[in-house]
Amino acid sequence: MSGAGRSSSVDFTHLENYVAGDRAVVREVLGLFSDQARTVLPTLNPNAPDDEWRHAAHSLKGSALGIGAFALAEACNDAESARDASPEVKRATLARVADALALALTDIAFYTQG
């Protein structure tokens, strides 16, 4: 199933083009992204040192850009920029990242079922 026919938080066509339409590679990349995202999200701790916060946000942003999850990448960019912000600001930013990630993971699950 191509992502082109469904509105999604992930631009699956971007990923499909990147891997020359190889469905096995698309599934593998999406699986790696899902595993990495679930590992990185807990490290986005608003009370963590600023460098740890920035590194986690930057890592997830790069992965999101790679699969075409551009809204998630934007939220991660905002989190990365908020590295010196108060824990309250970081919590609000983290909520945006978590929401965008949840949408992306839902769309990835839908996509890979097809």
N, C-alpha and C. Protein backbone atom coordinates (compact mmCIF):
# COMPACT_ATOMS: atom_id res chain seq x y z
N MET A 1 0.85 -1.18 0.00
CA MET A 1 0.00 0.00 0.00
C MET A 1 0.89 1.23 0.00
N SER A 2 0.68 2.11 -0.90
CA SER A 2 1.44 3.34 -0.96
C SER A 2 0.84 4.38 -0.03
N GLY A 3 1.71 5.19 0.59
CA GLY A 3 1.25 6.23 1.47
C GLY A 3 0.64 7.40 0.73
N ALA A 4 0.75 7.41 -0.59
CA ALA A 4 0.28 8.54 -1.38
C ALA A 4 -1.23 8.71 -1.34
N GLY A 5 -1.97 7.64 -1.09
CA GLY A 5 -3.42 7.72 -1.14
C GLY A 5 -4.08 8.08 0.17
N ARG A 6 -3.32 8.34 1.22
CA ARG A 6 -3.90 8.58 2.53
C ARG A 6 -3.19 9.76 3.18
N SER A 7 -3.96 10.65 3.75
CA SER A 7 -3.37 11.76 4.49
C SER A 7 -2.66 11.17 5.70
N SER A 8 -1.44 11.61 5.95
CA SER A 8 -0.64 10.96 6.96
C SER A 8 0.33 11.94 7.60
N SER A 9 0.77 11.62 8.80
CA SER A 9 1.80 12.41 9.46
C SER A 9 3.18 12.01 8.98
N VAL A 10 3.26 10.98 8.16
CA VAL A 10 4.51 10.54 7.56
C VAL A 10 4.34 10.58 6.04
N ASP A 11 5.29 11.18 5.37
CA ASP A 11 5.28 11.23 3.91
C ASP A 11 5.93 9.94 3.40
N PHE A 12 5.11 8.91 3.28
CA PHE A 12 5.63 7.61 2.87
C PHE A 12 6.19 7.64 1.45
N THR A 13 5.66 8.49 0.61
CA THR A 13 6.19 8.63 -0.75
C THR A 13 7.64 9.11 -0.70
N HIS A 14 7.93 10.02 0.22
CA HIS A 14 9.32 10.49 0.41
C HIS A 14 10.23 9.31 0.71
N LEU A 15 9.82 8.46 1.65
CA LEU A 15 10.62 7.30 2.03
C LEU A 15 10.70 6.30 0.89
N GLU A 16 9.58 6.03 0.24
CA GLU A 16 9.57 5.09 -0.87
C GLU A 16 10.51 5.54 -1.98
N ASN A 17 10.51 6.83 -2.28
CA ASN A 17 11.42 7.36 -3.30
C ASN A 17 12.87 7.24 -2.86
N TYR A 18 13.11 7.47 -1.60
CA TYR A 18 14.47 7.42 -1.06
C TYR A 18 15.07 6.03 -1.18
N VAL A 19 14.25 4.99 -1.05
CA VAL A 19 14.74 3.61 -1.12
C VAL A 19 14.34 2.94 -2.44
N ALA A 20 14.03 3.72 -3.43
CA ALA A 20 13.69 3.24 -4.77
C ALA A 20 12.53 2.25 -4.76
N GLY A 21 11.57 2.48 -3.86
CA GLY A 21 10.35 1.68 -3.85
C GLY A 21 10.50 0.28 -3.28
N ASP A 22 11.62 -0.04 -2.70
CA ASP A 22 11.85 -1.37 -2.15
C ASP A 22 11.06 -1.53 -0.84
N ARG A 23 9.94 -2.26 -0.91
CA ARG A 23 9.04 -2.40 0.25
C ARG A 23 9.73 -3.04 1.45
N ALA A 24 10.62 -3.98 1.20
CA ALA A 24 11.33 -4.63 2.31
C ALA A 24 12.19 -3.61 3.06
N VAL A 25 12.84 -2.75 2.32
CA VAL A 25 13.68 -1.72 2.95
C VAL A 25 12.80 -0.70 3.67
N VAL A 26 11.68 -0.33 3.06
CA VAL A 26 10.76 0.61 3.71
C VAL A 26 10.31 0.03 5.06
N ARG A 27 9.89 -1.22 5.08
CA ARG A 27 9.44 -1.85 6.32
C ARG A 27 10.58 -1.91 7.35
N GLU A 28 11.77 -2.24 6.89
CA GLU A 28 12.91 -2.31 7.81
C GLU A 28 13.23 -0.94 8.40
N VAL A 29 13.25 0.08 7.57
CA VAL A 29 13.53 1.44 8.04
C VAL A 29 12.46 1.90 9.02
N LEU A 30 11.20 1.65 8.70
CA LEU A 30 10.12 2.04 9.61
C LEU A 30 10.20 1.30 10.94
N GLY A 31 10.58 0.04 10.90
CA GLY A 31 10.76 -0.73 12.13
C GLY A 31 11.90 -0.17 12.98
N LEU A 32 13.00 0.17 12.32
CA LEU A 32 14.14 0.75 13.04
C LEU A 32 13.76 2.11 13.63
N PHE A 33 13.03 2.90 12.86
CA PHE A 33 12.59 4.20 13.37
C PHE A 33 11.70 4.01 14.60
N SER A 34 10.74 3.12 14.51
CA SER A 34 9.81 2.90 15.62
C SER A 34 10.55 2.46 16.88
N ASP A 35 11.49 1.55 16.72
CA ASP A 35 12.28 1.09 17.87
C ASP A 35 13.10 2.25 18.46
N GLN A 36 13.76 3.01 17.60
CA GLN A 36 14.60 4.10 18.06
C GLN A 36 13.76 5.18 18.74
N ALA A 37 12.62 5.50 18.17
CA ALA A 37 11.77 6.55 18.72
C ALA A 37 11.28 6.18 20.11
N ARG A 38 10.92 4.93 20.29
CA ARG A 38 10.44 4.48 21.61
C ARG A 38 11.57 4.47 22.64
N THR A 39 12.81 4.36 22.18
CA THR A 39 13.96 4.42 23.07
C THR A 39 14.35 5.85 23.40
N VAL A 40 14.28 6.73 22.40
CA VAL A 40 14.72 8.12 22.58
C VAL A 40 13.71 8.95 23.36
N LEU A 41 12.43 8.74 23.13
CA LEU A 41 11.42 9.59 23.78
C LEU A 41 11.60 9.66 25.29
N PRO A 42 11.82 8.56 25.99
CA PRO A 42 11.99 8.68 27.45
C PRO A 42 13.22 9.49 27.86
N THR A 43 14.19 9.64 26.97
CA THR A 43 15.37 10.43 27.32
C THR A 43 15.12 11.93 27.18
N LEU A 44 13.98 12.29 26.60
CA LEU A 44 13.59 13.70 26.56
C LEU A 44 12.95 14.05 27.90
N ASN A 45 13.79 14.14 28.89
CA ASN A 45 13.37 14.42 30.25
C ASN A 45 13.56 15.91 30.52
N PRO A 46 12.50 16.65 30.81
CA PRO A 46 12.61 18.09 31.04
C PRO A 46 13.58 18.47 32.16
N ASN A 47 13.88 17.54 33.05
CA ASN A 47 14.81 17.81 34.14
C ASN A 47 16.23 17.33 33.86
N ALA A 48 16.44 16.74 32.69
CA ALA A 48 17.77 16.25 32.32
C ALA A 48 18.69 17.45 32.01
N PRO A 49 19.99 17.21 32.05
CA PRO A 49 20.91 18.27 31.64
C PRO A 49 20.60 18.73 30.21
N ASP A 50 20.85 20.00 29.96
CA ASP A 50 20.51 20.60 28.66
C ASP A 50 21.12 19.84 27.48
N ASP A 51 22.37 19.38 27.60
CA ASP A 51 23.00 18.67 26.49
C ASP A 51 22.33 17.33 26.21
N GLU A 52 21.88 16.64 27.25
CA GLU A 52 21.17 15.37 27.06
C GLU A 52 19.83 15.62 26.36
N TRP A 53 19.13 16.66 26.79
CA TRP A 53 17.85 17.04 26.17
C TRP A 53 18.07 17.34 24.69
N ARG A 54 19.06 18.17 24.39
CA ARG A 54 19.32 18.57 23.00
C ARG A 54 19.71 17.35 22.16
N HIS A 55 20.55 16.49 22.69
CA HIS A 55 20.98 15.31 21.94
C HIS A 55 19.79 14.40 21.60
N ALA A 56 18.92 14.17 22.57
CA ALA A 56 17.75 13.32 22.34
C ALA A 56 16.84 13.94 21.27
N ALA A 57 16.59 15.24 21.39
CA ALA A 57 15.73 15.92 20.41
C ALA A 57 16.35 15.89 19.03
N HIS A 58 17.66 16.11 18.96
CA HIS A 58 18.36 16.14 17.68
C HIS A 58 18.34 14.75 17.03
N SER A 59 18.57 13.73 17.82
CA SER A 59 18.57 12.36 17.30
C SER A 59 17.21 11.99 16.71
N LEU A 60 16.15 12.28 17.46
CA LEU A 60 14.81 11.95 16.97
C LEU A 60 14.44 12.80 15.75
N LYS A 61 14.89 14.05 15.73
CA LYS A 61 14.62 14.92 14.58
C LYS A 61 15.24 14.34 13.31
N GLY A 62 16.50 13.90 13.40
CA GLY A 62 17.16 13.32 12.23
C GLY A 62 16.46 12.08 11.71
N SER A 63 16.05 11.23 12.62
CA SER A 63 15.33 10.02 12.21
C SER A 63 13.98 10.36 11.58
N ALA A 64 13.29 11.33 12.16
CA ALA A 64 11.99 11.75 11.62
C ALA A 64 12.14 12.31 10.21
N LEU A 65 13.16 13.12 10.00
CA LEU A 65 13.39 13.67 8.66
C LEU A 65 13.67 12.55 7.67
N GLY A 66 14.41 11.54 8.10
CA GLY A 66 14.76 10.44 7.21
C GLY A 66 13.56 9.66 6.70
N ILE A 67 12.52 9.54 7.51
CA ILE A 67 11.35 8.77 7.06
C ILE A 67 10.25 9.66 6.49
N GLY A 68 10.42 10.96 6.59
CA GLY A 68 9.39 11.86 6.07
C GLY A 68 8.35 12.25 7.10
N ALA A 69 8.67 12.14 8.39
CA ALA A 69 7.76 12.57 9.46
C ALA A 69 8.09 14.03 9.79
N PHE A 70 7.67 14.91 8.90
CA PHE A 70 8.11 16.30 8.97
C PHE A 70 7.51 17.08 10.14
N ALA A 71 6.28 16.78 10.52
CA ALA A 71 5.69 17.46 11.69
C ALA A 71 6.42 17.05 12.96
N LEU A 72 6.78 15.80 13.07
CA LEU A 72 7.55 15.33 14.21
C LEU A 72 8.93 15.99 14.21
N ALA A 73 9.56 16.06 13.07
CA ALA A 73 10.87 16.71 12.98
C ALA A 73 10.79 18.17 13.41
N GLU A 74 9.72 18.86 13.05
CA GLU A 74 9.55 20.26 13.45
C GLU A 74 9.38 20.37 14.97
N ALA A 75 8.59 19.48 15.55
CA ALA A 75 8.42 19.49 17.00
C ALA A 75 9.75 19.19 17.70
N CYS A 76 10.53 18.27 17.14
CA CYS A 76 11.84 17.95 17.71
C CYS A 76 12.80 19.13 17.56
N ASN A 77 12.71 19.84 16.45
CA ASN A 77 13.53 21.03 16.27
C ASN A 77 13.21 22.07 17.34
N ASP A 78 11.93 22.24 17.62
CA ASP A 78 11.52 23.17 18.68
C ASP A 78 12.05 22.70 20.03
N ALA A 79 12.02 21.40 20.27
CA ALA A 79 12.56 20.86 21.52
C ALA A 79 14.06 21.09 21.60
N GLU A 80 14.73 20.86 20.50
CA GLU A 80 16.18 21.07 20.46
C GLU A 80 16.50 22.53 20.77
N SER A 81 15.72 23.44 20.23
CA SER A 81 15.93 24.87 20.46
C SER A 81 15.61 25.27 21.90
N ALA A 82 14.79 24.47 22.57
CA ALA A 82 14.37 24.78 23.95
C ALA A 82 15.33 24.19 24.98
N ARG A 83 16.51 23.81 24.58
CA ARG A 83 17.42 23.11 25.50
C ARG A 83 17.74 23.92 26.75
N ASP A 84 17.75 25.25 26.65
CA ASP A 84 18.05 26.11 27.80
C ASP A 84 16.79 26.61 28.48
N ALA A 85 15.64 26.13 28.07
CA ALA A 85 14.37 26.62 28.60
C ALA A 85 14.09 26.00 29.98
N SER A 86 13.09 26.53 30.62
CA SER A 86 12.67 26.02 31.92
C SER A 86 12.06 24.62 31.75
N PRO A 87 12.02 23.85 32.83
CA PRO A 87 11.37 22.54 32.74
C PRO A 87 9.90 22.63 32.30
N GLU A 88 9.21 23.71 32.65
CA GLU A 88 7.81 23.87 32.24
C GLU A 88 7.71 24.00 30.72
N VAL A 89 8.59 24.80 30.14
CA VAL A 89 8.60 24.98 28.68
C VAL A 89 8.98 23.65 28.02
N LYS A 90 9.94 22.98 28.58
CA LYS A 90 10.36 21.69 28.02
C LYS A 90 9.21 20.68 28.09
N ARG A 91 8.46 20.68 29.18
CA ARG A 91 7.32 19.76 29.28
C ARG A 91 6.29 20.02 28.19
N ALA A 92 6.01 21.28 27.92
CA ALA A 92 5.06 21.63 26.86
C ALA A 92 5.60 21.20 25.50
N THR A 93 6.88 21.40 25.29
CA THR A 93 7.50 20.99 24.03
C THR A 93 7.50 19.47 23.90
N LEU A 94 7.79 18.80 25.00
CA LEU A 94 7.77 17.34 25.01
C LEU A 94 6.38 16.81 24.67
N ALA A 95 5.35 17.46 25.15
CA ALA A 95 3.98 17.04 24.83
C ALA A 95 3.73 17.11 23.32
N ARG A 96 4.23 18.17 22.67
CA ARG A 96 4.09 18.28 21.20
C ARG A 96 4.85 17.16 20.50
N VAL A 97 6.06 16.88 20.97
CA VAL A 97 6.85 15.80 20.38
C VAL A 97 6.13 14.46 20.55
N ALA A 98 5.65 14.21 21.76
CA ALA A 98 4.96 12.94 22.03
C ALA A 98 3.70 12.80 21.18
N ASP A 99 2.95 13.87 21.02
CA ASP A 99 1.74 13.82 20.19
C ASP A 99 2.09 13.53 18.74
N ALA A 100 3.10 14.23 18.23
CA ALA A 100 3.51 14.03 16.83
C ALA A 100 4.06 12.62 16.62
N LEU A 101 4.79 12.13 17.61
CA LEU A 101 5.32 10.77 17.51
C LEU A 101 4.19 9.74 17.54
N ALA A 102 3.22 9.94 18.40
CA ALA A 102 2.08 9.01 18.46
C ALA A 102 1.36 8.94 17.12
N LEU A 103 1.16 10.09 16.49
CA LEU A 103 0.52 10.11 15.16
C LEU A 103 1.38 9.36 14.14
N ALA A 104 2.68 9.61 14.17
CA ALA A 104 3.57 8.95 13.21
C ALA A 104 3.56 7.44 13.43
N LEU A 105 3.64 7.00 14.67
CA LEU A 105 3.65 5.56 14.94
C LEU A 105 2.33 4.90 14.55
N THR A 106 1.23 5.61 14.74
CA THR A 106 -0.08 5.10 14.31
C THR A 106 -0.10 4.95 12.79
N ASP A 107 0.38 5.97 12.09
CA ASP A 107 0.39 5.90 10.62
C ASP A 107 1.35 4.83 10.12
N ILE A 108 2.47 4.66 10.82
CA ILE A 108 3.41 3.60 10.43
C ILE A 108 2.76 2.24 10.60
N ALA A 109 2.05 2.04 11.70
CA ALA A 109 1.36 0.76 11.92
C ALA A 109 0.33 0.52 10.83
N PHE A 110 -0.43 1.55 10.47
CA PHE A 110 -1.43 1.41 9.41
C PHE A 110 -0.76 1.06 8.08
N TYR A 111 0.31 1.77 7.78
CA TYR A 111 1.03 1.60 6.52
C TYR A 111 1.60 0.16 6.42
N THR A 112 2.21 -0.30 7.49
CA THR A 112 2.88 -1.61 7.42
C THR A 112 1.91 -2.78 7.45
N GLN A 113 0.65 -2.53 7.81
CA GLN A 113 -0.37 -3.59 7.78
C GLN A 113 -0.80 -3.89 6.35
N GLY A 114 -0.64 -2.90 5.47
CA GLY A 114 -1.11 -3.05 4.10
C GLY A 114 -0.26 -3.86 3.21
